[in-house]
Amino acid sequence: MGMKDKNQSKSTGPTSKKGKAIASRNAITHGLTGNQVLPDEVQMVDDFVKELTAYYKPQSPLEVLQIQRIAFCRAKLAKLMDIEVAGREIFRREIESNPALIFEKLNQYSPHLKHLATLELEDQSILKVLGLDKTSLQSIEREIREFAGGLENGDDLPKVFPKLCGFLKKSKFVDAQATDMGWDQRLMIFAEKIRILTIGSDDKYAKVKPGTYEAALLKINKEDQLVATARRKQERQFQPGTDNYLRVIQSDFNVITDLARSFAQVKAVLSSYEEMKSWMLRSVDLSAQESERMMRYQTMLEKRLSTAIGELLMLQKIGLKSNFSVE
């Protein structure tokens, strides 16, 4: 045995991921172009042979052979169609189960809006976590936006913002939240909760997958931030005066109004998402390389099938003439 033969005998096939992927495609290639019937094709070939035999009633071994060739080609063509359908179905399922593939096509929207829309699709809406509905959020936003007066301190909040304080009174954002908290502190915690929940739209957390160790750490980090805020038992420090207190809480108001404006746009984002999803599902196709390969296999098998049918018909025609000659 030569050196080359020894090396070949020791070969165990490709070991890299790329090599294995190529080898797997080769298996499909040989399965479609080879002359052997694979296990999943046996029943199909047998059924085709029975069907063709019943129709053509072969009278010679050569006719039987041509019927087997026809059945073989038909089985290979059927498998080719199955492979193509399976390939398309894999792409469809990937699109259906991975919203990020669709959202990355919607470049007209900010990452923040796409993050909120993703949570809506996954039934993990920020509003649901806050215990707030869209109508109430819009009412609170309108209440804040239309306010044009001044505030002395947190005690003035219920008189000026009854809808906001009505929500803050019945809501409990953390376990550590005491019943004797002032209005200023409740507002501070509510705004902090919104900030923490919307942190998922930051690039730092964009690739954190739900259910992973990183996601668990992120959740703990968010809760720690909120508890730390809730433990501030005193009101924020500010100099007395209507403008000063309003200036202090303005950042909290901005967080609430920004959330309301964002949710006013989420509906349009979700509409664009569904439209893009529809187009992507309708345009799902194999890669150009795979499509070209499939077309070559189909053309080759159809030629073999046509040749086998032609030869069978010719054999039967010859047999028919021979019968007439004998008579």
C-alpha atoms as a PDB file:
ATOM      1  CA  MET A   1       0.000   0.000   0.000  1.00  0.00           C
ATOM      2  CA  GLY A   2       1.482   3.392  -1.019  1.00  0.00           C
ATOM      3  CA  MET A   3       1.787   6.487   1.126  1.00  0.00           C
ATOM      4  CA  LYS A   4      -1.233   8.054  -0.572  1.00  0.00           C
ATOM      5  CA  ASP A   5      -3.362   4.968   0.070  1.00  0.00           C
ATOM      6  CA  LYS A   6      -2.279   4.918   3.715  1.00  0.00           C
ATOM      7  CA  ASN A   7      -3.298   8.544   4.195  1.00  0.00           C
ATOM      8  CA  GLN A   8      -6.654   7.904   2.556  1.00  0.00           C
ATOM      9  CA  SER A   9      -7.319   4.885   4.773  1.00  0.00           C
ATOM     10  CA  LYS A  10      -6.699   7.014   7.875  1.00  0.00           C
ATOM     11  CA  SER A  11      -9.030   9.821   6.778  1.00  0.00           C
ATOM     12  CA  THR A  12     -12.032  10.351   9.060  1.00  0.00           C
ATOM     13  CA  GLY A  13     -13.688  13.050   6.997  1.00  0.00           C
ATOM     14  CA  PRO A  14     -13.926  16.804   7.617  1.00  0.00           C
ATOM     15  CA  THR A  15     -13.573  18.043  11.199  1.00  0.00           C
ATOM     16  CA  SER A  16     -14.266  21.779  10.855  1.00  0.00           C
ATOM     17  CA  LYS A  17     -17.809  23.221  10.902  1.00  0.00           C
ATOM     18  CA  LYS A  18     -17.360  24.497   7.342  1.00  0.00           C
ATOM     19  CA  GLY A  19     -16.125  21.115   6.145  1.00  0.00           C
ATOM     20  CA  LYS A  20     -18.989  19.282   7.802  1.00  0.00           C
ATOM     21  CA  ALA A  21     -21.496  21.691   6.235  1.00  0.00           C
ATOM     22  CA  ILE A  22     -20.042  21.001   2.778  1.00  0.00           C
ATOM     23  CA  ALA A  23     -20.102  17.258   3.474  1.00  0.00           C
ATOM     24  CA  SER A  24     -23.762  17.444   4.468  1.00  0.00           C
ATOM     25  CA  ARG A  25     -24.593  19.140   1.167  1.00  0.00           C
ATOM     26  CA  ASN A  26     -22.603  16.461  -0.639  1.00  0.00           C
ATOM     27  CA  ALA A  27     -24.825  13.850   0.986  1.00  0.00           C
ATOM     28  CA  ILE A  28     -27.862  15.545  -0.539  1.00  0.00           C
ATOM     29  CA  THR A  29     -26.072  15.842  -3.875  1.00  0.00           C
ATOM     30  CA  HIS A  30     -25.186  12.161  -4.009  1.00  0.00           C
ATOM     31  CA  GLY A  31     -28.654  11.238  -2.779  1.00  0.00           C
ATOM     32  CA  LEU A  32     -30.222  13.065  -5.704  1.00  0.00           C
ATOM     33  CA  THR A  33     -27.710  12.246  -8.400  1.00  0.00           C
ATOM     34  CA  GLY A  34     -26.560   8.756  -7.368  1.00  0.00           C
ATOM     35  CA  ASN A  35     -27.975   5.502  -8.671  1.00  0.00           C
ATOM     36  CA  GLN A  36     -28.887   4.031  -5.300  1.00  0.00           C
ATOM     37  CA  VAL A  37     -32.230   4.205  -3.563  1.00  0.00           C
ATOM     38  CA  LEU A  38     -31.939   5.736  -0.096  1.00  0.00           C
ATOM     39  CA  PRO A  39     -33.948   4.290   2.849  1.00  0.00           C
ATOM     40  CA  ASP A  40     -36.526   7.104   2.811  1.00  0.00           C
ATOM     41  CA  GLU A  41     -37.132   6.524  -0.928  1.00  0.00           C
ATOM     42  CA  VAL A  42     -37.699   2.758  -0.933  1.00  0.00           C
ATOM     43  CA  GLN A  43     -41.454   2.863  -0.301  1.00  0.00           C
ATOM     44  CA  MET A  44     -41.917   5.661  -2.805  1.00  0.00           C
ATOM     45  CA  VAL A  45     -40.073   3.720  -5.526  1.00  0.00           C
ATOM     46  CA  ASP A  46     -42.037   0.538  -4.764  1.00  0.00           C
ATOM     47  CA  ASP A  47     -45.336   2.410  -5.034  1.00  0.00           C
ATOM     48  CA  PHE A  48     -44.307   3.968  -8.358  1.00  0.00           C
ATOM     49  CA  VAL A  49     -43.185   0.553  -9.704  1.00  0.00           C
ATOM     50  CA  LYS A  50     -46.538  -1.009  -8.814  1.00  0.00           C
ATOM     51  CA  GLU A  51     -48.437   1.871 -10.396  1.00  0.00           C
ATOM     52  CA  LEU A  52     -46.377   1.779 -13.613  1.00  0.00           C
ATOM     53  CA  THR A  53     -46.456  -2.024 -13.819  1.00  0.00           C
ATOM     54  CA  ALA A  54     -50.239  -2.039 -13.525  1.00  0.00           C
ATOM     55  CA  TYR A  55     -50.518   0.473 -16.349  1.00  0.00           C
ATOM     56  CA  TYR A  56     -47.806  -0.653 -18.810  1.00  0.00           C
ATOM     57  CA  LYS A  57     -47.903  -4.430 -18.094  1.00  0.00           C
ATOM     58  CA  PRO A  58     -44.221  -5.090 -19.032  1.00  0.00           C
ATOM     59  CA  GLN A  59     -43.585  -8.236 -21.084  1.00  0.00           C
ATOM     60  CA  SER A  60     -39.793  -8.418 -20.910  1.00  0.00           C
ATOM     61  CA  PRO A  61     -36.951  -7.897 -18.429  1.00  0.00           C
ATOM     62  CA  LEU A  62     -35.897  -4.776 -20.330  1.00  0.00           C
ATOM     63  CA  GLU A  63     -39.361  -3.240 -19.923  1.00  0.00           C
ATOM     64  CA  VAL A  64     -39.269  -4.047 -16.209  1.00  0.00           C
ATOM     65  CA  LEU A  65     -35.848  -2.339 -16.003  1.00  0.00           C
ATOM     66  CA  GLN A  66     -37.174   0.807 -17.691  1.00  0.00           C
ATOM     67  CA  ILE A  67     -40.142   0.909 -15.302  1.00  0.00           C
ATOM     68  CA  GLN A  68     -37.714   0.730 -12.390  1.00  0.00           C
ATOM     69  CA  ARG A  69     -35.667   3.565 -13.893  1.00  0.00           C
ATOM     70  CA  ILE A  70     -38.811   5.673 -14.323  1.00  0.00           C
ATOM     71  CA  ALA A  71     -39.870   4.992 -10.725  1.00  0.00           C
ATOM     72  CA  PHE A  72     -36.374   5.830  -9.507  1.00  0.00           C
ATOM     73  CA  CYS A  73     -36.350   9.202 -11.314  1.00  0.00           C
ATOM     74  CA  ARG A  74     -39.837  10.040 -10.113  1.00  0.00           C
ATOM     75  CA  ALA A  75     -38.805   9.323  -6.504  1.00  0.00           C
ATOM     76  CA  LYS A  76     -35.695  11.508  -6.845  1.00  0.00           C
ATOM     77  CA  LEU A  77     -37.753  14.377  -8.304  1.00  0.00           C
ATOM     78  CA  ALA A  78     -40.289  14.081  -5.478  1.00  0.00           C
ATOM     79  CA  LYS A  79     -37.451  14.202  -2.940  1.00  0.00           C
ATOM     80  CA  LEU A  80     -36.019  17.252  -4.677  1.00  0.00           C
ATOM     81  CA  MET A  81     -39.326  19.046  -4.232  1.00  0.00           C
ATOM     82  CA  ASP A  82     -39.427  18.019  -0.555  1.00  0.00           C
ATOM     83  CA  ILE A  83     -35.934  19.416  -0.003  1.00  0.00           C
ATOM     84  CA  GLU A  84     -36.886  22.732  -1.607  1.00  0.00           C
ATOM     85  CA  VAL A  85     -40.108  23.020   0.416  1.00  0.00           C
ATOM     86  CA  ALA A  86     -38.239  22.134   3.620  1.00  0.00           C
ATOM     87  CA  GLY A  87     -35.612  24.796   2.905  1.00  0.00           C
ATOM     88  CA  ARG A  88     -38.266  27.462   2.422  1.00  0.00           C
ATOM     89  CA  GLU A  89     -40.125  26.330   5.554  1.00  0.00           C
ATOM     90  CA  ILE A  90     -36.956  26.635   7.657  1.00  0.00           C
ATOM     91  CA  PHE A  91     -36.543  30.249   6.527  1.00  0.00           C
ATOM     92  CA  ARG A  92     -40.219  30.978   7.212  1.00  0.00           C
ATOM     93  CA  ARG A  93     -40.019  29.596  10.730  1.00  0.00           C
ATOM     94  CA  GLU A  94     -36.890  31.593  11.397  1.00  0.00           C
ATOM     95  CA  ILE A  95     -38.675  34.784  10.367  1.00  0.00           C
ATOM     96  CA  GLU A  96     -41.767  33.898  12.423  1.00  0.00           C
ATOM     97  CA  SER A  97     -39.767  33.168  15.586  1.00  0.00           C
ATOM     98  CA  ASN A  98     -37.191  35.952  15.385  1.00  0.00           C
ATOM     99  CA  PRO A  99     -38.702  39.478  15.295  1.00  0.00           C
ATOM    100  CA  ALA A 100     -35.194  40.984  15.289  1.00  0.00           C
ATOM    101  CA  LEU A 101     -34.743  39.805  11.661  1.00  0.00           C
ATOM    102  CA  ILE A 102     -37.723  41.936  10.673  1.00  0.00           C
ATOM    103  CA  PHE A 103     -37.024  44.931  12.910  1.00  0.00           C
ATOM    104  CA  GLU A 104     -33.492  45.296  11.520  1.00  0.00           C
ATOM    105  CA  LYS A 105     -35.107  46.096   8.151  1.00  0.00           C
ATOM    106  CA  LEU A 106     -37.136  48.977   9.669  1.00  0.00           C
ATOM    107  CA  ASN A 107     -34.387  51.582   9.638  1.00  0.00           C
ATOM    108  CA  GLN A 108     -36.866  54.453   9.804  1.00  0.00           C
ATOM    109  CA  TYR A 109     -37.485  53.791  13.521  1.00  0.00           C
ATOM    110  CA  SER A 110     -35.179  54.317  16.496  1.00  0.00           C
ATOM    111  CA  PRO A 111     -33.834  51.370  18.539  1.00  0.00           C
ATOM    112  CA  HIS A 112     -35.937  52.621  21.461  1.00  0.00           C
ATOM    113  CA  LEU A 113     -39.201  52.387  19.504  1.00  0.00           C
ATOM    114  CA  LYS A 114     -38.283  48.972  18.120  1.00  0.00           C
ATOM    115  CA  HIS A 115     -37.478  47.793  21.643  1.00  0.00           C
ATOM    116  CA  LEU A 116     -40.919  48.862  22.896  1.00  0.00           C
ATOM    117  CA  ALA A 117     -42.607  47.219  19.903  1.00  0.00           C
ATOM    118  CA  THR A 118     -40.658  43.987  20.475  1.00  0.00           C
ATOM    119  CA  LEU A 119     -41.854  43.857  24.087  1.00  0.00           C
ATOM    120  CA  GLU A 120     -45.447  44.374  22.868  1.00  0.00           C
ATOM    121  CA  LEU A 121     -45.107  41.433  20.466  1.00  0.00           C
ATOM    122  CA  GLU A 122     -43.696  39.240  23.236  1.00  0.00           C
ATOM    123  CA  ASP A 123     -46.548  40.204  25.598  1.00  0.00           C
ATOM    124  CA  GLN A 124     -44.037  41.853  27.930  1.00  0.00           C
ATOM    125  CA  SER A 125     -45.230  45.418  27.483  1.00  0.00           C
ATOM    126  CA  ILE A 126     -43.682  48.014  29.773  1.00  0.00           C
ATOM    127  CA  LEU A 127     -47.182  49.314  30.467  1.00  0.00           C
ATOM    128  CA  LYS A 128     -48.212  45.866  31.644  1.00  0.00           C
ATOM    129  CA  VAL A 129     -45.295  45.802  34.099  1.00  0.00           C
ATOM    130  CA  LEU A 130     -46.191  49.280  35.326  1.00  0.00           C
ATOM    131  CA  GLY A 131     -49.854  48.353  35.762  1.00  0.00           C
ATOM    132  CA  LEU A 132     -50.802  51.148  33.374  1.00  0.00           C
ATOM    133  CA  ASP A 133     -52.880  51.146  30.184  1.00  0.00           C
ATOM    134  CA  LYS A 134     -52.357  53.320  27.113  1.00  0.00           C
ATOM    135  CA  THR A 135     -55.462  55.427  27.726  1.00  0.00           C
ATOM    136  CA  SER A 136     -54.407  56.281  31.297  1.00  0.00           C
ATOM    137  CA  LEU A 137     -50.859  57.034  30.138  1.00  0.00           C
ATOM    138  CA  GLN A 138     -52.122  59.428  27.473  1.00  0.00           C
ATOM    139  CA  SER A 139     -54.385  61.140  30.043  1.00  0.00           C
ATOM    140  CA  ILE A 140     -51.476  61.617  32.453  1.00  0.00           C
ATOM    141  CA  GLU A 141     -49.255  62.900  29.633  1.00  0.00           C
ATOM    142  CA  ARG A 142     -51.939  65.404  28.606  1.00  0.00           C
ATOM    143  CA  GLU A 143     -52.311  66.524  32.239  1.00  0.00           C
ATOM    144  CA  ILE A 144     -48.565  67.191  32.497  1.00  0.00           C
ATOM    145  CA  ARG A 145     -48.308  68.816  29.068  1.00  0.00           C
ATOM    146  CA  GLU A 146     -51.183  71.234  29.666  1.00  0.00           C
ATOM    147  CA  PHE A 147     -49.962  72.366  33.101  1.00  0.00           C
ATOM    148  CA  ALA A 148     -48.809  75.994  33.024  1.00  0.00           C
ATOM    149  CA  GLY A 149     -48.646  76.992  36.710  1.00  0.00           C
ATOM    150  CA  GLY A 150     -46.164  76.592  39.547  1.00  0.00           C
ATOM    151  CA  LEU A 151     -45.583  74.136  42.408  1.00  0.00           C
ATOM    152  CA  GLU A 152     -44.337  74.804  45.938  1.00  0.00           C
ATOM    153  CA  ASN A 153     -43.559  71.181  46.844  1.00  0.00           C
ATOM    154  CA  GLY A 154     -44.753  67.604  46.522  1.00  0.00           C
ATOM    155  CA  ASP A 155     -47.897  68.291  48.542  1.00  0.00           C
ATOM    156  CA  ASP A 156     -49.243  70.338  45.615  1.00  0.00           C
ATOM    157  CA  LEU A 157     -49.082  67.389  43.185  1.00  0.00           C
ATOM    158  CA  PRO A 158     -52.546  65.834  43.931  1.00  0.00           C
ATOM    159  CA  LYS A 159     -54.323  69.154  43.346  1.00  0.00           C
ATOM    160  CA  VAL A 160     -52.616  69.881  40.060  1.00  0.00           C
ATOM    161  CA  PHE A 161     -52.188  66.325  38.732  1.00  0.00           C
ATOM    162  CA  PRO A 162     -55.143  64.268  40.021  1.00  0.00           C
ATOM    163  CA  LYS A 163     -54.849  61.552  37.351  1.00  0.00           C
ATOM    164  CA  LEU A 164     -51.121  61.084  37.910  1.00  0.00           C
ATOM    165  CA  CYS A 165     -51.483  60.975  41.699  1.00  0.00           C
ATOM    166  CA  GLY A 166     -54.513  58.698  41.476  1.00  0.00           C
ATOM    167  CA  PHE A 167     -52.329  56.192  39.655  1.00  0.00           C
ATOM    168  CA  LEU A 168     -49.360  56.709  42.010  1.00  0.00           C
ATOM    169  CA  LYS A 169     -51.593  56.149  45.053  1.00  0.00           C
ATOM    170  CA  LYS A 170     -52.851  52.720  43.990  1.00  0.00           C
ATOM    171  CA  SER A 171     -49.574  51.495  42.471  1.00  0.00           C
ATOM    172  CA  LYS A 172     -46.730  49.751  44.299  1.00  0.00           C
ATOM    173  CA  PHE A 173     -43.554  49.614  42.269  1.00  0.00           C
ATOM    174  CA  VAL A 174     -41.285  47.795  44.748  1.00  0.00           C
ATOM    175  CA  ASP A 175     -41.749  45.690  47.875  1.00  0.00           C
ATOM    176  CA  ALA A 176     -39.843  48.252  49.906  1.00  0.00           C
ATOM    177  CA  GLN A 177     -42.306  51.011  48.998  1.00  0.00           C
ATOM    178  CA  ALA A 178     -43.900  52.230  52.254  1.00  0.00           C
ATOM    179  CA  THR A 179     -47.503  53.390  52.543  1.00  0.00           C
ATOM    180  CA  ASP A 180     -46.435  56.680  54.158  1.00  0.00           C
ATOM    181  CA  MET A 181     -44.297  57.800  51.210  1.00  0.00           C
ATOM    182  CA  GLY A 182     -44.772  61.366  50.053  1.00  0.00           C
ATOM    183  CA  TRP A 183     -45.991  62.274  46.582  1.00  0.00           C
ATOM    184  CA  ASP A 184     -42.568  63.469  45.522  1.00  0.00           C
ATOM    185  CA  GLN A 185     -41.028  60.129  46.411  1.00  0.00           C
ATOM    186  CA  ARG A 186     -43.749  58.155  44.628  1.00  0.00           C
ATOM    187  CA  LEU A 187     -43.212  60.247  41.508  1.00  0.00           C
ATOM    188  CA  MET A 188     -39.448  59.724  41.742  1.00  0.00           C
ATOM    189  CA  ILE A 189     -39.844  55.932  41.998  1.00  0.00           C
ATOM    190  CA  PHE A 190     -42.350  55.806  39.121  1.00  0.00           C
ATOM    191  CA  ALA A 191     -39.988  57.740  36.832  1.00  0.00           C
ATOM    192  CA  GLU A 192     -37.045  55.539  37.890  1.00  0.00           C
ATOM    193  CA  LYS A 193     -39.069  52.408  37.110  1.00  0.00           C
ATOM    194  CA  ILE A 194     -39.708  53.690  33.594  1.00  0.00           C
ATOM    195  CA  ARG A 195     -36.008  54.459  33.102  1.00  0.00           C
ATOM    196  CA  ILE A 196     -35.015  50.982  34.235  1.00  0.00           C
ATOM    197  CA  LEU A 197     -37.586  49.211  32.071  1.00  0.00           C
ATOM    198  CA  THR A 198     -36.552  51.117  28.957  1.00  0.00           C
ATOM    199  CA  ILE A 199     -32.862  50.373  29.466  1.00  0.00           C
ATOM    200  CA  GLY A 200     -33.265  47.353  27.175  1.00  0.00           C
ATOM    201  CA  SER A 201     -33.165  49.662  24.169  1.00  0.00           C
ATOM    202  CA  ASP A 202     -29.552  50.639  24.945  1.00  0.00           C
ATOM    203  CA  ASP A 203     -26.858  49.002  22.800  1.00  0.00           C
ATOM    204  CA  LYS A 204     -25.236  47.640  25.972  1.00  0.00           C
ATOM    205  CA  TYR A 205     -28.209  45.349  26.584  1.00  0.00           C
ATOM    206  CA  ALA A 206     -29.398  44.825  23.010  1.00  0.00           C
ATOM    207  CA  LYS A 207     -27.959  41.292  22.730  1.00  0.00           C
ATOM    208  CA  VAL A 208     -29.066  40.026  26.160  1.00  0.00           C
ATOM    209  CA  LYS A 209     -31.399  37.075  25.562  1.00  0.00           C
ATOM    210  CA  PRO A 210     -34.308  36.321  27.930  1.00  0.00           C
ATOM    211  CA  GLY A 211     -33.712  33.359  30.228  1.00  0.00           C
ATOM    212  CA  THR A 212     -29.907  33.568  30.113  1.00  0.00           C
ATOM    213  CA  TYR A 213     -27.539  34.161  33.022  1.00  0.00           C
ATOM    214  CA  GLU A 214     -26.833  37.661  31.693  1.00  0.00           C
ATOM    215  CA  ALA A 215     -30.568  38.426  31.647  1.00  0.00           C
ATOM    216  CA  ALA A 216     -30.895  37.302  35.280  1.00  0.00           C
ATOM    217  CA  LEU A 217     -28.033  39.586  36.311  1.00  0.00           C
ATOM    218  CA  LEU A 218     -29.585  42.465  34.401  1.00  0.00           C
ATOM    219  CA  LYS A 219     -32.910  41.944  36.190  1.00  0.00           C
ATOM    220  CA  ILE A 220     -31.190  41.914  39.606  1.00  0.00           C
ATOM    221  CA  ASN A 221     -29.310  45.076  38.684  1.00  0.00           C
ATOM    222  CA  LYS A 222     -32.538  46.830  37.685  1.00  0.00           C
ATOM    223  CA  GLU A 223     -34.313  45.835  40.896  1.00  0.00           C
ATOM    224  CA  ASP A 224     -31.353  46.978  43.012  1.00  0.00           C
ATOM    225  CA  GLN A 225     -31.492  50.375  41.333  1.00  0.00           C
ATOM    226  CA  LEU A 226     -35.198  50.678  42.076  1.00  0.00           C
ATOM    227  CA  VAL A 227     -34.903  49.609  45.710  1.00  0.00           C
ATOM    228  CA  ALA A 228     -32.101  52.127  46.206  1.00  0.00           C
ATOM    229  CA  THR A 229     -34.387  54.845  44.895  1.00  0.00           C
ATOM    230  CA  ALA A 230     -37.267  53.714  47.103  1.00  0.00           C
ATOM    231  CA  ARG A 231     -35.130  53.984  50.225  1.00  0.00           C
ATOM    232  CA  ARG A 232     -34.718  57.699  49.844  1.00  0.00           C
ATOM    233  CA  LYS A 233     -37.146  58.532  52.652  1.00  0.00           C
ATOM    234  CA  GLN A 234     -36.695  62.275  52.467  1.00  0.00           C
ATOM    235  CA  GLU A 235     -37.937  64.547  49.713  1.00  0.00           C
ATOM    236  CA  ARG A 236     -35.418  65.865  47.234  1.00  0.00           C
ATOM    237  CA  GLN A 237     -33.545  68.936  48.370  1.00  0.00           C
ATOM    238  CA  PHE A 238     -34.459  72.179  46.690  1.00  0.00           C
ATOM    239  CA  GLN A 239     -34.772  75.839  47.512  1.00  0.00           C
ATOM    240  CA  PRO A 240     -38.363  76.938  48.323  1.00  0.00           C
ATOM    241  CA  GLY A 241     -40.147  78.513  45.406  1.00  0.00           C
ATOM    242  CA  THR A 242     -42.636  77.538  42.718  1.00  0.00           C
ATOM    243  CA  ASP A 243     -40.112  77.445  39.883  1.00  0.00           C
ATOM    244  CA  ASN A 244     -37.447  75.584  41.825  1.00  0.00           C
ATOM    245  CA  TYR A 245     -39.545  72.522  42.707  1.00  0.00           C
ATOM    246  CA  LEU A 246     -40.997  72.283  39.215  1.00  0.00           C
ATOM    247  CA  ARG A 247     -37.448  72.407  37.837  1.00  0.00           C
ATOM    248  CA  VAL A 248     -36.434  69.548  40.151  1.00  0.00           C
ATOM    249  CA  ILE A 249     -39.242  67.212  39.056  1.00  0.00           C
ATOM    250  CA  GLN A 250     -39.205  68.218  35.391  1.00  0.00           C
ATOM    251  CA  SER A 251     -36.865  65.336  34.484  1.00  0.00           C
ATOM    252  CA  ASP A 252     -39.382  62.854  35.977  1.00  0.00           C
ATOM    253  CA  PHE A 253     -42.195  64.476  34.033  1.00  0.00           C
ATOM    254  CA  ASN A 254     -40.115  64.265  30.859  1.00  0.00           C
ATOM    255  CA  VAL A 255     -39.648  60.506  31.355  1.00  0.00           C
ATOM    256  CA  ILE A 256     -43.441  60.043  31.602  1.00  0.00           C
ATOM    257  CA  THR A 257     -44.281  62.249  28.620  1.00  0.00           C
ATOM    258  CA  ASP A 258     -41.535  60.643  26.496  1.00  0.00           C
ATOM    259  CA  LEU A 259     -42.973  57.209  27.252  1.00  0.00           C
ATOM    260  CA  ALA A 260     -46.457  58.387  26.217  1.00  0.00           C
ATOM    261  CA  ARG A 261     -45.148  59.845  22.950  1.00  0.00           C
ATOM    262  CA  SER A 262     -43.230  56.652  22.242  1.00  0.00           C
ATOM    263  CA  PHE A 263     -46.308  54.488  22.737  1.00  0.00           C
ATOM    264  CA  ALA A 264     -48.256  56.785  20.450  1.00  0.00           C
ATOM    265  CA  GLN A 265     -45.781  55.731  17.732  1.00  0.00           C
ATOM    266  CA  VAL A 266     -45.538  52.036  18.645  1.00  0.00           C
ATOM    267  CA  LYS A 267     -48.769  51.313  16.755  1.00  0.00           C
ATOM    268  CA  ALA A 268     -47.166  52.579  13.535  1.00  0.00           C
ATOM    269  CA  VAL A 269     -44.033  50.522  14.248  1.00  0.00           C
ATOM    270  CA  LEU A 270     -46.080  47.354  14.728  1.00  0.00           C
ATOM    271  CA  SER A 271     -48.002  48.078  11.524  1.00  0.00           C
ATOM    272  CA  SER A 272     -44.726  48.449   9.602  1.00  0.00           C
ATOM    273  CA  TYR A 273     -43.470  45.271  11.277  1.00  0.00           C
ATOM    274  CA  GLU A 274     -46.459  43.233  10.075  1.00  0.00           C
ATOM    275  CA  GLU A 275     -46.153  44.662   6.573  1.00  0.00           C
ATOM    276  CA  MET A 276     -42.426  43.898   6.395  1.00  0.00           C
ATOM    277  CA  LYS A 277     -43.020  40.427   7.820  1.00  0.00           C
ATOM    278  CA  SER A 278     -45.610  39.752   5.129  1.00  0.00           C
ATOM    279  CA  TRP A 279     -43.215  40.836   2.373  1.00  0.00           C
ATOM    280  CA  MET A 280     -40.351  38.792   3.818  1.00  0.00           C
ATOM    281  CA  LEU A 281     -42.499  35.664   4.078  1.00  0.00           C
ATOM    282  CA  ARG A 282     -43.727  36.104   0.514  1.00  0.00           C
ATOM    283  CA  SER A 283     -40.193  36.595  -0.783  1.00  0.00           C
ATOM    284  CA  VAL A 284     -38.643  33.675   1.091  1.00  0.00           C
ATOM    285  CA  ASP A 285     -36.492  31.693  -1.273  1.00  0.00           C
ATOM    286  CA  LEU A 286     -33.382  29.595  -1.314  1.00  0.00           C
ATOM    287  CA  SER A 287     -30.096  31.330  -1.984  1.00  0.00           C
ATOM    288  CA  ALA A 288     -29.177  31.873  -5.621  1.00  0.00           C
ATOM    289  CA  GLN A 289     -26.477  29.188  -5.322  1.00  0.00           C
ATOM    290  CA  GLU A 290     -28.856  26.612  -3.832  1.00  0.00           C
ATOM    291  CA  SER A 291     -31.583  27.457  -6.369  1.00  0.00           C
ATOM    292  CA  GLU A 292     -29.157  27.001  -9.265  1.00  0.00           C
ATOM    293  CA  ARG A 293     -28.047  23.667  -7.842  1.00  0.00           C
ATOM    294  CA  MET A 294     -31.642  22.485  -7.439  1.00  0.00           C
ATOM    295  CA  MET A 295     -32.425  23.503 -11.018  1.00  0.00           C
ATOM    296  CA  ARG A 296     -29.452  21.497 -12.298  1.00  0.00           C
ATOM    297  CA  TYR A 297     -30.602  18.408 -10.383  1.00  0.00           C
ATOM    298  CA  GLN A 298     -34.153  18.840 -11.648  1.00  0.00           C
ATOM    299  CA  THR A 299     -33.036  19.218 -15.271  1.00  0.00           C
ATOM    300  CA  MET A 300     -30.783  16.157 -15.020  1.00  0.00           C
ATOM    301  CA  LEU A 301     -33.494  13.995 -13.426  1.00  0.00           C
ATOM    302  CA  GLU A 302     -36.128  15.123 -15.904  1.00  0.00           C
ATOM    303  CA  LYS A 303     -33.800  14.175 -18.797  1.00  0.00           C
ATOM    304  CA  ARG A 304     -33.240  10.739 -17.263  1.00  0.00           C
ATOM    305  CA  LEU A 305     -36.972  10.327 -16.748  1.00  0.00           C
ATOM    306  CA  SER A 306     -37.769  11.387 -20.305  1.00  0.00           C
ATOM    307  CA  THR A 307     -35.141   8.989 -21.698  1.00  0.00           C
ATOM    308  CA  ALA A 308     -36.440   6.084 -19.596  1.00  0.00           C
ATOM    309  CA  ILE A 309     -40.040   6.719 -20.674  1.00  0.00           C
ATOM    310  CA  GLY A 310     -39.010   6.978 -24.329  1.00  0.00           C
ATOM    311  CA  GLU A 311     -37.055   3.710 -24.155  1.00  0.00           C
ATOM    312  CA  LEU A 312     -39.955   1.926 -22.437  1.00  0.00           C
ATOM    313  CA  LEU A 313     -42.412   3.066 -25.095  1.00  0.00           C
ATOM    314  CA  MET A 314     -39.959   2.004 -27.806  1.00  0.00           C
ATOM    315  CA  LEU A 315     -39.571  -1.464 -26.229  1.00  0.00           C
ATOM    316  CA  GLN A 316     -43.321  -1.886 -26.008  1.00  0.00           C
ATOM    317  CA  LYS A 317     -43.709  -0.779 -29.616  1.00  0.00           C
ATOM    318  CA  ILE A 318     -41.098  -3.341 -30.709  1.00  0.00           C
ATOM    319  CA  GLY A 319     -42.805  -6.024 -28.629  1.00  0.00           C
ATOM    320  CA  LEU A 320     -46.144  -5.162 -30.162  1.00  0.00           C
ATOM    321  CA  LYS A 321     -44.702  -5.518 -33.700  1.00  0.00           C
ATOM    322  CA  SER A 322     -43.122  -8.843 -32.777  1.00  0.00           C
ATOM    323  CA  ASN A 323     -46.484 -10.172 -31.644  1.00  0.00           C
ATOM    324  CA  PHE A 324     -48.077  -9.142 -34.924  1.00  0.00           C
ATOM    325  CA  SER A 325     -45.227 -10.802 -36.871  1.00  0.00           C
ATOM    326  CA  VAL A 326     -45.677 -14.099 -34.971  1.00  0.00           C
ATOM    327  CA  GLU A 327     -49.358 -14.100 -35.688  1.00  0.00           C
END
